[in-house]
Protein backbone atom coordinates (compact mmCIF):
# COMPACT_ATOMS: atom_id res chain seq x y z
CA MET A 1 103.12 40.51 91.03
CA ALA A 2 104.57 42.06 87.91
CA LEU A 3 108.22 41.66 87.09
CA ARG A 4 110.36 44.77 86.98
CA ALA A 5 112.73 45.43 84.11
CA SER A 6 115.64 45.85 86.53
CA GLU A 7 114.96 42.40 88.02
CA ILE A 8 114.85 40.84 84.56
CA ARG A 9 118.08 42.52 83.47
CA ASN A 10 119.87 40.93 86.46
CA MET A 11 118.83 37.45 85.23
CA THR A 12 120.86 35.33 82.85
CA GLU A 13 119.46 34.41 79.44
CA ALA A 14 118.76 30.88 80.66
CA GLU A 15 116.82 32.16 83.68
CA ILE A 16 114.81 34.48 81.44
CA SER A 17 113.98 31.58 79.12
CA ILE A 18 112.82 29.43 82.04
CA LYS A 19 110.67 32.26 83.40
CA LEU A 20 109.24 32.84 79.92
CA VAL A 21 108.16 29.21 79.60
CA SER A 22 106.52 29.22 83.03
CA LEU A 23 104.64 32.46 82.28
CA LYS A 24 103.40 31.10 78.96
CA GLU A 25 102.10 28.01 80.75
CA GLU A 26 100.42 30.20 83.36
CA LEU A 27 98.82 32.33 80.64
CA PHE A 28 97.51 29.20 78.93
CA LYS A 29 95.94 28.00 82.18
CA LEU A 30 94.42 31.41 82.86
CA ARG A 31 92.90 31.58 79.38
CA PHE A 32 91.50 28.08 79.82
CA GLU A 33 89.96 29.05 83.16
CA GLN A 34 88.54 32.20 81.57
CA LYS A 35 86.81 30.18 78.85
CA THR A 36 85.31 27.82 81.42
CA GLY A 37 84.26 30.77 83.57
CA ARG A 38 86.32 29.87 86.61
CA VAL A 39 89.08 32.49 86.61
CA GLU A 40 89.46 34.02 90.07
CA LYS A 41 91.76 36.89 89.18
CA PRO A 42 91.09 38.06 85.62
CA HIS A 43 93.68 40.85 85.88
CA ARG A 44 96.42 38.18 86.03
CA ILE A 45 95.92 37.57 82.30
CA SER A 46 97.00 41.09 81.35
CA VAL A 47 99.81 41.05 83.92
CA ALA A 48 101.13 37.78 82.50
CA ARG A 49 100.97 39.12 78.94
CA LYS A 50 102.90 42.25 79.92
CA ASP A 51 105.50 40.21 81.82
CA ILE A 52 106.00 37.98 78.77
CA ALA A 53 106.49 41.07 76.60
CA ARG A 54 109.05 42.47 79.07
CA LEU A 55 110.96 39.19 79.13
CA LEU A 56 111.03 38.96 75.34
CA THR A 57 112.14 42.58 74.99
CA ILE A 58 115.02 42.28 77.45
CA LEU A 59 116.02 38.89 76.03
CA LYS A 60 116.24 40.51 72.58
CA GLU A 61 118.28 43.40 74.03
CA LYS A 62 120.75 40.93 75.52
CA GLU A 63 121.04 39.04 72.22
CA ASN A 64 121.64 42.27 70.31
CA ALA A 65 124.27 43.40 72.81
CA LYS A 66 126.25 40.20 72.26
CA GLY A 67 126.97 40.77 68.70
């Protein structure tokens, strides 16, 4: 399930960072499964990439709002 921007904006920077690390790990595993030909849900790769982009964007917005 894709993350919504409103859900991410309600998170703290630490929570966003933790979620970002877990999504990057998931993306790594999905890419590995894709290369070995065992990926069950190939659409999860694009969903994970988009979620990572959303997290990074909102994290940058929060950093810029600080100062």
